Amino acid sequence: MIRTWAELRDFAHSLDLPEVTDAVSWGNPTLKAHGKLWCWWSPYIEAGIFKGSIEEREMLMSADPETFVLHPHYAKHGLILVAAGRIDPDWASARLTQSWRDMAPKKFLKEWDAR
């Protein structure tokens, strides 16, 4: 299980997806994919933040409220917060890969998939 931002950052980089960069947003370290926020650590609670949708977040929170959490700051956004120490690498890999694909320009993704 992933417990810290350093572990999540290293894990995300280990996926070897192109166009992923370290960045700082709102004074906090983040990862960007294709120039857009991709994954980061909440400054409000001990949790990793992943792109998703409000509907998916609600479903995950309902299924496992100890793992999938929410801070009021993120309530209006389609983000999925996963509690520190409960971030499953298999889940994180699938989520990060899917959101990376969703964020990729169509031409880039077509060329990437052709390889």
PDB file of N, CA and C in Angstrom:
ATOM      1  N   MET A   1       0.837  -1.193   0.000  1.00  0.00           N
ATOM      2  CA  MET A   1       0.000   0.000   0.000  1.00  0.00           C
ATOM      3  C   MET A   1       0.877   1.251   0.000  1.00  0.00           C
ATOM      4  N   ILE A   2       0.395   2.242  -0.661  1.00  0.00           N
ATOM      5  CA  ILE A   2       1.115   3.511  -0.772  1.00  0.00           C
ATOM      6  C   ILE A   2       0.702   4.393   0.413  1.00  0.00           C
ATOM      7  N   ARG A   3       1.723   4.929   1.119  1.00  0.00           N
ATOM      8  CA  ARG A   3       1.452   5.646   2.363  1.00  0.00           C
ATOM      9  C   ARG A   3       1.754   7.135   2.343  1.00  0.00           C
ATOM     10  N   THR A   4       2.567   7.588   1.388  1.00  0.00           N
ATOM     11  CA  THR A   4       3.012   8.983   1.402  1.00  0.00           C
ATOM     12  C   THR A   4       3.032   9.559  -0.011  1.00  0.00           C
ATOM     13  N   TRP A   5       3.177  10.899  -0.076  1.00  0.00           N
ATOM     14  CA  TRP A   5       3.311  11.543  -1.367  1.00  0.00           C
ATOM     15  C   TRP A   5       4.551  11.037  -2.093  1.00  0.00           C
ATOM     16  N   ALA A   6       5.657  10.890  -1.374  1.00  0.00           N
ATOM     17  CA  ALA A   6       6.888  10.417  -2.018  1.00  0.00           C
ATOM     18  C   ALA A   6       6.675   9.043  -2.648  1.00  0.00           C
ATOM     19  N   GLU A   7       5.990   8.161  -1.958  1.00  0.00           N
ATOM     20  CA  GLU A   7       5.712   6.827  -2.508  1.00  0.00           C
ATOM     21  C   GLU A   7       4.777   6.911  -3.708  1.00  0.00           C
ATOM     22  N   LEU A   8       3.740   7.743  -3.615  1.00  0.00           N
ATOM     23  CA  LEU A   8       2.793   7.890  -4.729  1.00  0.00           C
ATOM     24  C   LEU A   8       3.493   8.507  -5.941  1.00  0.00           C
ATOM     25  N   ARG A   9       4.298   9.521  -5.716  1.00  0.00           N
ATOM     26  CA  ARG A   9       5.033  10.162  -6.806  1.00  0.00           C
ATOM     27  C   ARG A   9       5.950   9.152  -7.491  1.00  0.00           C
ATOM     28  N   ASP A  10       6.733   8.421  -6.708  1.00  0.00           N
ATOM     29  CA  ASP A  10       7.645   7.431  -7.281  1.00  0.00           C
ATOM     30  C   ASP A  10       6.881   6.344  -8.033  1.00  0.00           C
ATOM     31  N   PHE A  11       5.758   5.909  -7.457  1.00  0.00           N
ATOM     32  CA  PHE A  11       4.939   4.887  -8.102  1.00  0.00           C
ATOM     33  C   PHE A  11       4.417   5.404  -9.448  1.00  0.00           C
ATOM     34  N   ALA A  12       3.886   6.620  -9.458  1.00  0.00           N
ATOM     35  CA  ALA A  12       3.339   7.193 -10.689  1.00  0.00           C
ATOM     36  C   ALA A  12       4.427   7.301 -11.757  1.00  0.00           C
ATOM     37  N   HIS A  13       5.609   7.747 -11.375  1.00  0.00           N
ATOM     38  CA  HIS A  13       6.710   7.833 -12.340  1.00  0.00           C
ATOM     39  C   HIS A  13       7.124   6.449 -12.834  1.00  0.00           C
ATOM     40  N   SER A  14       6.983   5.421 -11.993  1.00  0.00           N
ATOM     41  CA  SER A  14       7.390   4.069 -12.398  1.00  0.00           C
ATOM     42  C   SER A  14       6.518   3.502 -13.512  1.00  0.00           C
ATOM     43  N   LEU A  15       5.364   4.114 -13.753  1.00  0.00           N
ATOM     44  CA  LEU A  15       4.486   3.661 -14.834  1.00  0.00           C
ATOM     45  C   LEU A  15       5.079   3.998 -16.196  1.00  0.00           C
ATOM     46  N   ASP A  16       6.087   4.858 -16.210  1.00  0.00           N
ATOM     47  CA  ASP A  16       6.798   5.242 -17.440  1.00  0.00           C
ATOM     48  C   ASP A  16       5.875   5.772 -18.528  1.00  0.00           C
ATOM     49  N   LEU A  17       4.896   6.549 -18.134  1.00  0.00           N
ATOM     50  CA  LEU A  17       4.014   7.188 -19.101  1.00  0.00           C
ATOM     51  C   LEU A  17       4.658   8.503 -19.543  1.00  0.00           C
ATOM     52  N   PRO A  18       4.718   8.768 -20.838  1.00  0.00           N
ATOM     53  CA  PRO A  18       5.331  10.012 -21.291  1.00  0.00           C
ATOM     54  C   PRO A  18       4.483  11.224 -20.949  1.00  0.00           C
ATOM     55  N   GLU A  19       5.129  12.371 -21.003  1.00  0.00           N
ATOM     56  CA  GLU A  19       4.456  13.649 -20.759  1.00  0.00           C
ATOM     57  C   GLU A  19       3.999  13.808 -19.308  1.00  0.00           C
ATOM     58  N   VAL A  20       4.650  13.113 -18.370  1.00  0.00           N
ATOM     59  CA  VAL A  20       4.378  13.262 -16.938  1.00  0.00           C
ATOM     60  C   VAL A  20       5.527  14.057 -16.339  1.00  0.00           C
ATOM     61  N   THR A  21       5.181  15.139 -15.637  1.00  0.00           N
ATOM     62  CA  THR A  21       6.203  16.003 -15.057  1.00  0.00           C
ATOM     63  C   THR A  21       5.865  16.363 -13.616  1.00  0.00           C
ATOM     64  N   ASP A  22       6.913  16.628 -12.855  1.00  0.00           N
ATOM     65  CA  ASP A  22       6.733  17.172 -11.513  1.00  0.00           C
ATOM     66  C   ASP A  22       6.392  18.647 -11.644  1.00  0.00           C
ATOM     67  N   ALA A  23       5.543  19.123 -10.760  1.00  0.00           N
ATOM     68  CA  ALA A  23       5.134  20.524 -10.791  1.00  0.00           C
ATOM     69  C   ALA A  23       4.787  20.968  -9.374  1.00  0.00           C
ATOM     70  N   VAL A  24       4.492  22.242  -9.249  1.00  0.00           N
ATOM     71  CA  VAL A  24       4.000  22.804  -7.997  1.00  0.00           C
ATOM     72  C   VAL A  24       2.720  23.552  -8.337  1.00  0.00           C
ATOM     73  N   SER A  25       1.661  23.240  -7.628  1.00  0.00           N
ATOM     74  CA  SER A  25       0.372  23.913  -7.809  1.00  0.00           C
ATOM     75  C   SER A  25      -0.136  24.355  -6.451  1.00  0.00           C
ATOM     76  N   TRP A  26      -0.516  25.600  -6.351  1.00  0.00           N
ATOM     77  CA  TRP A  26      -0.983  26.163  -5.085  1.00  0.00           C
ATOM     78  C   TRP A  26       0.030  25.927  -3.959  1.00  0.00           C
ATOM     79  N   GLY A  27       1.311  25.960  -4.313  1.00  0.00           N
ATOM     80  CA  GLY A  27       2.365  25.804  -3.323  1.00  0.00           C
ATOM     81  C   GLY A  27       2.641  24.375  -2.899  1.00  0.00           C
ATOM     82  N   ASN A  28       2.011  23.402  -3.557  1.00  0.00           N
ATOM     83  CA  ASN A  28       2.178  22.000  -3.186  1.00  0.00           C
ATOM     84  C   ASN A  28       2.699  21.189  -4.363  1.00  0.00           C
ATOM     85  N   PRO A  29       3.507  20.158  -4.077  1.00  0.00           N
ATOM     86  CA  PRO A  29       4.011  19.324  -5.166  1.00  0.00           C
ATOM     87  C   PRO A  29       2.879  18.528  -5.818  1.00  0.00           C
ATOM     88  N   THR A  30       2.947  18.440  -7.127  1.00  0.00           N
ATOM     89  CA  THR A  30       1.944  17.707  -7.896  1.00  0.00           C
ATOM     90  C   THR A  30       2.634  16.993  -9.046  1.00  0.00           C
ATOM     91  N   LEU A  31       1.881  16.160  -9.716  1.00  0.00           N
ATOM     92  CA  LEU A  31       2.313  15.600 -10.989  1.00  0.00           C
ATOM     93  C   LEU A  31       1.321  16.064 -12.043  1.00  0.00           C
ATOM     94  N   LYS A  32       1.871  16.429 -13.185  1.00  0.00           N
ATOM     95  CA  LYS A  32       1.032  16.806 -14.311  1.00  0.00           C
ATOM     96  C   LYS A  32       1.248  15.806 -15.434  1.00  0.00           C
ATOM     97  N   ALA A  33       0.197  15.578 -16.173  1.00  0.00           N
ATOM     98  CA  ALA A  33       0.253  14.754 -17.380  1.00  0.00           C
ATOM     99  C   ALA A  33      -0.268  15.613 -18.522  1.00  0.00           C
ATOM    100  N   HIS A  34       0.511  15.691 -19.575  1.00  0.00           N
ATOM    101  CA  HIS A  34       0.127  16.501 -20.734  1.00  0.00           C
ATOM    102  C   HIS A  34      -0.155  17.945 -20.318  1.00  0.00           C
ATOM    103  N   GLY A  35       0.572  18.425 -19.301  1.00  0.00           N
ATOM    104  CA  GLY A  35       0.435  19.799 -18.844  1.00  0.00           C
ATOM    105  C   GLY A  35      -0.742  20.067 -17.927  1.00  0.00           C
ATOM    106  N   LYS A  36      -1.484  19.018 -17.543  1.00  0.00           N
ATOM    107  CA  LYS A  36      -2.660  19.183 -16.689  1.00  0.00           C
ATOM    108  C   LYS A  36      -2.462  18.432 -15.378  1.00  0.00           C
ATOM    109  N   LEU A  37      -3.047  18.953 -14.297  1.00  0.00           N
ATOM    110  CA  LEU A  37      -2.948  18.259 -13.010  1.00  0.00           C
ATOM    111  C   LEU A  37      -3.407  16.822 -13.166  1.00  0.00           C
ATOM    112  N   TRP A  38      -2.610  15.907 -12.639  1.00  0.00           N
ATOM    113  CA  TRP A  38      -2.875  14.481 -12.824  1.00  0.00           C
ATOM    114  C   TRP A  38      -3.036  13.771 -11.493  1.00  0.00           C
ATOM    115  N   CYS A  39      -2.166  14.083 -10.535  1.00  0.00           N
ATOM    116  CA  CYS A  39      -2.179  13.376  -9.261  1.00  0.00           C
ATOM    117  C   CYS A  39      -1.417  14.226  -8.247  1.00  0.00           C
ATOM    118  N   TRP A  40      -1.897  14.253  -7.009  1.00  0.00           N
ATOM    119  CA  TRP A  40      -1.218  15.019  -5.965  1.00  0.00           C
ATOM    120  C   TRP A  40      -1.672  14.539  -4.599  1.00  0.00           C
ATOM    121  N   TRP A  41      -1.127  15.149  -3.554  1.00  0.00           N
ATOM    122  CA  TRP A  41      -1.414  14.796  -2.169  1.00  0.00           C
ATOM    123  C   TRP A  41      -2.177  15.946  -1.544  1.00  0.00           C
ATOM    124  N   SER A  42      -3.228  15.647  -0.823  1.00  0.00           N
ATOM    125  CA  SER A  42      -4.040  16.703  -0.223  1.00  0.00           C
ATOM    126  C   SER A  42      -3.275  17.430   0.886  1.00  0.00           C
ATOM    127  N   PRO A  43      -3.319  18.758   0.883  1.00  0.00           N
ATOM    128  CA  PRO A  43      -2.741  19.489   2.010  1.00  0.00           C
ATOM    129  C   PRO A  43      -3.699  19.549   3.211  1.00  0.00           C
ATOM    130  N   TYR A  44      -4.910  19.042   3.041  1.00  0.00           N
ATOM    131  CA  TYR A  44      -5.932  19.109   4.093  1.00  0.00           C
ATOM    132  C   TYR A  44      -6.042  17.829   4.910  1.00  0.00           C
ATOM    133  N   ILE A  45      -5.898  16.680   4.253  1.00  0.00           N
ATOM    134  CA  ILE A  45      -5.960  15.389   4.933  1.00  0.00           C
ATOM    135  C   ILE A  45      -4.903  14.476   4.327  1.00  0.00           C
ATOM    136  N   GLU A  46      -4.546  13.432   5.036  1.00  0.00           N
ATOM    137  CA  GLU A  46      -3.540  12.494   4.533  1.00  0.00           C
ATOM    138  C   GLU A  46      -4.183  11.584   3.488  1.00  0.00           C
ATOM    139  N   ALA A  47      -4.136  12.036   2.241  1.00  0.00           N
ATOM    140  CA  ALA A  47      -4.770  11.288   1.152  1.00  0.00           C
ATOM    141  C   ALA A  47      -4.169  11.679  -0.184  1.00  0.00           C
ATOM    142  N   GLY A  48      -4.070  10.706  -1.068  1.00  0.00           N
ATOM    143  CA  GLY A  48      -3.694  10.961  -2.447  1.00  0.00           C
ATOM    144  C   GLY A  48      -4.921  11.387  -3.225  1.00  0.00           C
ATOM    145  N   ILE A  49      -4.713  12.220  -4.230  1.00  0.00           N
ATOM    146  CA  ILE A  49      -5.828  12.722  -5.032  1.00  0.00           C
ATOM    147  C   ILE A  49      -5.634  12.287  -6.477  1.00  0.00           C
ATOM    148  N   PHE A  50      -6.705  11.724  -7.026  1.00  0.00           N
ATOM    149  CA  PHE A  50      -6.704  11.200  -8.387  1.00  0.00           C
ATOM    150  C   PHE A  50      -7.861  11.815  -9.158  1.00  0.00           C
ATOM    151  N   LYS A  51      -7.688  11.961 -10.471  1.00  0.00           N
ATOM    152  CA  LYS A  51      -8.781  12.435 -11.327  1.00  0.00           C
ATOM    153  C   LYS A  51      -9.863  11.361 -11.403  1.00  0.00           C
ATOM    154  N   GLY A  52     -11.090  11.779 -11.485  1.00  0.00           N
ATOM    155  CA  GLY A  52     -12.216  10.861 -11.598  1.00  0.00           C
ATOM    156  C   GLY A  52     -13.479  11.661 -11.827  1.00  0.00           C
ATOM    157  N   SER A  53     -14.564  11.181 -11.276  1.00  0.00           N
ATOM    158  CA  SER A  53     -15.833  11.904 -11.364  1.00  0.00           C
ATOM    159  C   SER A  53     -16.512  11.858  -9.999  1.00  0.00           C
ATOM    160  N   ILE A  54     -17.430  12.767  -9.799  1.00  0.00           N
ATOM    161  CA  ILE A  54     -18.174  12.790  -8.539  1.00  0.00           C
ATOM    162  C   ILE A  54     -18.947  11.487  -8.380  1.00  0.00           C
ATOM    163  N   GLU A  55     -19.528  10.990  -9.456  1.00  0.00           N
ATOM    164  CA  GLU A  55     -20.309   9.748  -9.383  1.00  0.00           C
ATOM    165  C   GLU A  55     -19.426   8.562  -8.998  1.00  0.00           C
ATOM    166  N   GLU A  56     -18.261   8.465  -9.599  1.00  0.00           N
ATOM    167  CA  GLU A  56     -17.352   7.368  -9.266  1.00  0.00           C
ATOM    168  C   GLU A  56     -16.892   7.480  -7.814  1.00  0.00           C
ATOM    169  N   ARG A  57     -16.552   8.701  -7.400  1.00  0.00           N
ATOM    170  CA  ARG A  57     -16.120   8.918  -6.014  1.00  0.00           C
ATOM    171  C   ARG A  57     -17.211   8.484  -5.036  1.00  0.00           C
ATOM    172  N   GLU A  58     -18.451   8.853  -5.290  1.00  0.00           N
ATOM    173  CA  GLU A  58     -19.542   8.486  -4.394  1.00  0.00           C
ATOM    174  C   GLU A  58     -19.727   6.978  -4.328  1.00  0.00           C
ATOM    175  N   MET A  59     -19.594   6.306  -5.469  1.00  0.00           N
ATOM    176  CA  MET A  59     -19.714   4.856  -5.498  1.00  0.00           C
ATOM    177  C   MET A  59     -18.589   4.214  -4.693  1.00  0.00           C
ATOM    178  N   LEU A  60     -17.353   4.684  -4.894  1.00  0.00           N
ATOM    179  CA  LEU A  60     -16.211   4.128  -4.164  1.00  0.00           C
ATOM    180  C   LEU A  60     -16.324   4.394  -2.665  1.00  0.00           C
ATOM    181  N   MET A  61     -16.727   5.596  -2.298  1.00  0.00           N
ATOM    182  CA  MET A  61     -16.885   5.919  -0.875  1.00  0.00           C
ATOM    183  C   MET A  61     -17.961   5.063  -0.221  1.00  0.00           C
ATOM    184  N   SER A  62     -19.018   4.798  -0.951  1.00  0.00           N
ATOM    185  CA  SER A  62     -20.087   3.951  -0.435  1.00  0.00           C
ATOM    186  C   SER A  62     -19.607   2.517  -0.237  1.00  0.00           C
ATOM    187  N   ALA A  63     -18.786   2.035  -1.156  1.00  0.00           N
ATOM    188  CA  ALA A  63     -18.292   0.659  -1.098  1.00  0.00           C
ATOM    189  C   ALA A  63     -17.205   0.482  -0.036  1.00  0.00           C
ATOM    190  N   ASP A  64     -16.355   1.503   0.161  1.00  0.00           N
ATOM    191  CA  ASP A  64     -15.229   1.379   1.093  1.00  0.00           C
ATOM    192  C   ASP A  64     -14.895   2.748   1.692  1.00  0.00           C
ATOM    193  N   PRO A  65     -15.686   3.199   2.672  1.00  0.00           N
ATOM    194  CA  PRO A  65     -15.500   4.540   3.231  1.00  0.00           C
ATOM    195  C   PRO A  65     -14.206   4.736   4.031  1.00  0.00           C
ATOM    196  N   GLU A  66     -13.529   3.671   4.400  1.00  0.00           N
ATOM    197  CA  GLU A  66     -12.248   3.822   5.101  1.00  0.00           C
ATOM    198  C   GLU A  66     -11.115   4.106   4.117  1.00  0.00           C
ATOM    199  N   THR A  67     -11.287   3.662   2.892  1.00  0.00           N
ATOM    200  CA  THR A  67     -10.259   3.864   1.863  1.00  0.00           C
ATOM    201  C   THR A  67     -10.516   5.132   1.072  1.00  0.00           C
ATOM    202  N   PHE A  68     -11.727   5.302   0.601  1.00  0.00           N
ATOM    203  CA  PHE A  68     -12.087   6.447  -0.235  1.00  0.00           C
ATOM    204  C   PHE A  68     -12.761   7.493   0.633  1.00  0.00           C
ATOM    205  N   VAL A  69     -12.108   8.635   0.741  1.00  0.00           N
ATOM    206  CA  VAL A  69     -12.509   9.658   1.698  1.00  0.00           C
ATOM    207  C   VAL A  69     -12.801  10.967   0.969  1.00  0.00           C
ATOM    208  N   LEU A  70     -13.259  11.948   1.729  1.00  0.00           N
ATOM    209  CA  LEU A  70     -13.549  13.251   1.139  1.00  0.00           C
ATOM    210  C   LEU A  70     -13.277  14.339   2.170  1.00  0.00           C
ATOM    211  N   HIS A  71     -12.713  15.417   1.718  1.00  0.00           N
ATOM    212  CA  HIS A  71     -12.586  16.642   2.511  1.00  0.00           C
ATOM    213  C   HIS A  71     -13.514  17.654   1.844  1.00  0.00           C
ATOM    214  N   PRO A  72     -14.203  18.493   2.622  1.00  0.00           N
ATOM    215  CA  PRO A  72     -15.149  19.447   2.036  1.00  0.00           C
ATOM    216  C   PRO A  72     -14.576  20.305   0.907  1.00  0.00           C
ATOM    217  N   HIS A  73     -13.280  20.598   0.957  1.00  0.00           N
ATOM    218  CA  HIS A  73     -12.652  21.417  -0.088  1.00  0.00           C
ATOM    219  C   HIS A  73     -12.844  20.813  -1.485  1.00  0.00           C
ATOM    220  N   TYR A  74     -12.935  19.483  -1.571  1.00  0.00           N
ATOM    221  CA  TYR A  74     -13.003  18.795  -2.860  1.00  0.00           C
ATOM    222  C   TYR A  74     -14.422  18.361  -3.253  1.00  0.00           C
ATOM    223  N   ALA A  75     -15.412  18.671  -2.452  1.00  0.00           N
ATOM    224  CA  ALA A  75     -16.764  18.145  -2.656  1.00  0.00           C
ATOM    225  C   ALA A  75     -17.341  18.469  -4.031  1.00  0.00           C
ATOM    226  N   LYS A  76     -17.051  19.638  -4.573  1.00  0.00           N
ATOM    227  CA  LYS A  76     -17.646  20.055  -5.850  1.00  0.00           C
ATOM    228  C   LYS A  76     -16.849  19.590  -7.060  1.00  0.00           C
ATOM    229  N   HIS A  77     -15.731  18.917  -6.819  1.00  0.00           N
ATOM    230  CA  HIS A  77     -14.842  18.539  -7.917  1.00  0.00           C
ATOM    231  C   HIS A  77     -14.864  17.034  -8.156  1.00  0.00           C
ATOM    232  N   GLY A  78     -14.643  16.641  -9.380  1.00  0.00           N
ATOM    233  CA  GLY A  78     -14.599  15.223  -9.746  1.00  0.00           C
ATOM    234  C   GLY A  78     -13.251  14.615  -9.420  1.00  0.00           C
ATOM    235  N   LEU A  79     -12.942  14.550  -8.154  1.00  0.00           N
ATOM    236  CA  LEU A  79     -11.670  14.004  -7.688  1.00  0.00           C
ATOM    237  C   LEU A  79     -11.924  12.862  -6.723  1.00  0.00           C
ATOM    238  N   ILE A  80     -10.999  11.906  -6.716  1.00  0.00           N
ATOM    239  CA  ILE A  80     -11.100  10.747  -5.828  1.00  0.00           C
ATOM    240  C   ILE A  80      -9.951  10.825  -4.843  1.00  0.00           C
ATOM    241  N   LEU A  81     -10.273  10.877  -3.564  1.00  0.00           N
ATOM    242  CA  LEU A  81      -9.270  10.913  -2.513  1.00  0.00           C
ATOM    243  C   LEU A  81      -9.164   9.531  -1.899  1.00  0.00           C
ATOM    244  N   VAL A  82      -7.922   9.054  -1.759  1.00  0.00           N
ATOM    245  CA  VAL A  82      -7.670   7.732  -1.191  1.00  0.00           C
ATOM    246  C   VAL A  82      -6.780   7.919   0.032  1.00  0.00           C
ATOM    247  N   ALA A  83      -7.233   7.403   1.161  1.00  0.00           N
ATOM    248  CA  ALA A  83      -6.530   7.588   2.423  1.00  0.00           C
ATOM    249  C   ALA A  83      -5.114   7.021   2.373  1.00  0.00           C
ATOM    250  N   ALA A  84      -4.202   7.733   3.018  1.00  0.00           N
ATOM    251  CA  ALA A  84      -2.810   7.291   3.117  1.00  0.00           C
ATOM    252  C   ALA A  84      -2.764   5.894   3.724  1.00  0.00           C
ATOM    253  N   GLY A  85      -1.913   5.059   3.168  1.00  0.00           N
ATOM    254  CA  GLY A  85      -1.771   3.692   3.657  1.00  0.00           C
ATOM    255  C   GLY A  85      -2.813   2.736   3.120  1.00  0.00           C
ATOM    256  N   ARG A  86      -3.760   3.251   2.345  1.00  0.00           N
ATOM    257  CA  ARG A  86      -4.812   2.406   1.780  1.00  0.00           C
ATOM    258  C   ARG A  86      -4.845   2.484   0.254  1.00  0.00           C
ATOM    259  N   ILE A  87      -3.826   3.111  -0.335  1.00  0.00           N
ATOM    260  CA  ILE A  87      -3.770   3.249  -1.792  1.00  0.00           C
ATOM    261  C   ILE A  87      -3.194   1.963  -2.368  1.00  0.00           C
ATOM    262  N   ASP A  88      -4.051   1.179  -2.981  1.00  0.00           N
ATOM    263  CA  ASP A  88      -3.654  -0.090  -3.578  1.00  0.00           C
ATOM    264  C   ASP A  88      -2.918   0.174  -4.889  1.00  0.00           C
ATOM    265  N   PRO A  89      -1.708  -0.344  -5.044  1.00  0.00           N
ATOM    266  CA  PRO A  89      -0.957  -0.088  -6.274  1.00  0.00           C
ATOM    267  C   PRO A  89      -1.681  -0.535  -7.550  1.00  0.00           C
ATOM    268  N   ASP A  90      -2.397  -1.644  -7.508  1.00  0.00           N
ATOM    269  CA  ASP A  90      -3.119  -2.088  -8.711  1.00  0.00           C
ATOM    270  C   ASP A  90      -4.221  -1.096  -9.069  1.00  0.00           C
ATOM    271  N   TRP A  91      -4.966  -0.632  -8.064  1.00  0.00           N
ATOM    272  CA  TRP A  91      -6.018   0.352  -8.306  1.00  0.00           C
ATOM    273  C   TRP A  91      -5.390   1.647  -8.822  1.00  0.00           C
ATOM    274  N   ALA A  92      -4.314   2.084  -8.167  1.00  0.00           N
ATOM    275  CA  ALA A  92      -3.664   3.333  -8.560  1.00  0.00           C
ATOM    276  C   ALA A  92      -3.122   3.254  -9.986  1.00  0.00           C
ATOM    277  N   SER A  93      -2.549   2.127 -10.352  1.00  0.00           N
ATOM    278  CA  SER A  93      -2.025   1.960 -11.706  1.00  0.00           C
ATOM    279  C   SER A  93      -3.137   2.098 -12.741  1.00  0.00           C
ATOM    280  N   ALA A  94      -4.243   1.424 -12.510  1.00  0.00           N
ATOM    281  CA  ALA A  94      -5.372   1.489 -13.445  1.00  0.00           C
ATOM    282  C   ALA A  94      -5.947   2.903 -13.504  1.00  0.00           C
ATOM    283  N   ARG A  95      -6.121   3.539 -12.358  1.00  0.00           N
ATOM    284  CA  ARG A  95      -6.704   4.884 -12.299  1.00  0.00           C
ATOM    285  C   ARG A  95      -5.780   5.886 -12.984  1.00  0.00           C
ATOM    286  N   LEU A  96      -4.481   5.830 -12.669  1.00  0.00           N
ATOM    287  CA  LEU A  96      -3.538   6.775 -13.267  1.00  0.00           C
ATOM    288  C   LEU A  96      -3.416   6.573 -14.769  1.00  0.00           C
ATOM    289  N   THR A  97      -3.385   5.335 -15.205  1.00  0.00           N
ATOM    290  CA  THR A  97      -3.284   5.068 -16.641  1.00  0.00           C
ATOM    291  C   THR A  97      -4.527   5.569 -17.371  1.00  0.00           C
ATOM    292  N   GLN A  98      -5.688   5.308 -16.810  1.00  0.00           N
ATOM    293  CA  GLN A  98      -6.920   5.764 -17.459  1.00  0.00           C
ATOM    294  C   GLN A  98      -6.988   7.286 -17.506  1.00  0.00           C
ATOM    295  N   SER A  99      -6.667   7.950 -16.413  1.00  0.00           N
ATOM    296  CA  SER A  99      -6.751   9.407 -16.429  1.00  0.00           C
ATOM    297  C   SER A  99      -5.676  10.002 -17.339  1.00  0.00           C
ATOM    298  N   TRP A 100      -4.494   9.369 -17.408  1.00  0.00           N
ATOM    299  CA  TRP A 100      -3.457   9.807 -18.340  1.00  0.00           C
ATOM    300  C   TRP A 100      -3.985   9.736 -19.776  1.00  0.00           C
ATOM    301  N   ARG A 101      -4.640   8.638 -20.109  1.00  0.00           N
ATOM    302  CA  ARG A 101      -5.216   8.474 -21.445  1.00  0.00           C
ATOM    303  C   ARG A 101      -6.309   9.513 -21.699  1.00  0.00           C
ATOM    304  N   ASP A 102      -7.162   9.743 -20.705  1.00  0.00           N
ATOM    305  CA  ASP A 102      -8.244  10.713 -20.854  1.00  0.00           C
ATOM    306  C   ASP A 102      -7.715  12.123 -21.103  1.00  0.00           C
ATOM    307  N   MET A 103      -6.548  12.426 -20.546  1.00  0.00           N
ATOM    308  CA  MET A 103      -5.971  13.767 -20.654  1.00  0.00           C
ATOM    309  C   MET A 103      -5.133  13.953 -21.921  1.00  0.00           C
ATOM    310  N   ALA A 104      -4.745  12.877 -22.554  1.00  0.00           N
ATOM    311  CA  ALA A 104      -3.838  12.944 -23.702  1.00  0.00           C
ATOM    312  C   ALA A 104      -4.536  13.549 -24.924  1.00  0.00           C
ATOM    313  N   PRO A 105      -3.828  14.374 -25.668  1.00  0.00           N
ATOM    314  CA  PRO A 105      -4.384  14.835 -26.946  1.00  0.00           C
ATOM    315  C   PRO A 105      -4.633  13.632 -27.856  1.00  0.00           C
ATOM    316  N   LYS A 106      -5.685  13.677 -28.623  1.00  0.00           N
ATOM    317  CA  LYS A 106      -6.076  12.531 -29.461  1.00  0.00           C
ATOM    318  C   LYS A 106      -4.961  12.096 -30.414  1.00  0.00           C
ATOM    319  N   LYS A 107      -4.292  13.054 -31.027  1.00  0.00           N
ATOM    320  CA  LYS A 107      -3.222  12.710 -31.962  1.00  0.00           C
ATOM    321  C   LYS A 107      -2.080  12.002 -31.233  1.00  0.00           C
ATOM    322  N   PHE A 108      -1.695  12.517 -30.064  1.00  0.00           N
ATOM    323  CA  PHE A 108      -0.641  11.894 -29.276  1.00  0.00           C
ATOM    324  C   PHE A 108      -1.024  10.469 -28.902  1.00  0.00           C
ATOM    325  N   LEU A 109      -2.246  10.277 -28.430  1.00  0.00           N
ATOM    326  CA  LEU A 109      -2.701   8.958 -28.001  1.00  0.00           C
ATOM    327  C   LEU A 109      -2.742   7.974 -29.169  1.00  0.00           C
ATOM    328  N   LYS A 110      -3.157   8.440 -30.329  1.00  0.00           N
ATOM    329  CA  LYS A 110      -3.184   7.576 -31.512  1.00  0.00           C
ATOM    330  C   LYS A 110      -1.770   7.096 -31.852  1.00  0.00           C
ATOM    331  N   GLU A 111      -0.808   7.996 -31.820  1.00  0.00           N
ATOM    332  CA  GLU A 111       0.581   7.633 -32.091  1.00  0.00           C
ATOM    333  C   GLU A 111       1.134   6.716 -31.001  1.00  0.00           C
ATOM    334  N   TRP A 112       0.809   6.993 -29.754  1.00  0.00           N
ATOM    335  CA  TRP A 112       1.253   6.172 -28.621  1.00  0.00           C
ATOM    336  C   TRP A 112       0.701   4.744 -28.747  1.00  0.00           C
ATOM    337  N   ASP A 113      -0.572   4.634 -29.051  1.00  0.00           N
ATOM    338  CA  ASP A 113      -1.199   3.314 -29.177  1.00  0.00           C
ATOM    339  C   ASP A 113      -0.638   2.535 -30.378  1.00  0.00           C
ATOM    340  N   ALA A 114      -0.231   3.238 -31.425  1.00  0.00           N
ATOM    341  CA  ALA A 114       0.317   2.580 -32.613  1.00  0.00           C
ATOM    342  C   ALA A 114       1.669   1.945 -32.330  1.00  0.00           C
ATOM    343  N   ARG A 115       2.387   2.464 -31.332  1.00  0.00           N
ATOM    344  CA  ARG A 115       3.681   1.882 -30.965  1.00  0.00           C
ATOM    345  C   ARG A 115       3.442   0.581 -30.291  1.00  0.00           C
TER     346      ARG A 115
END
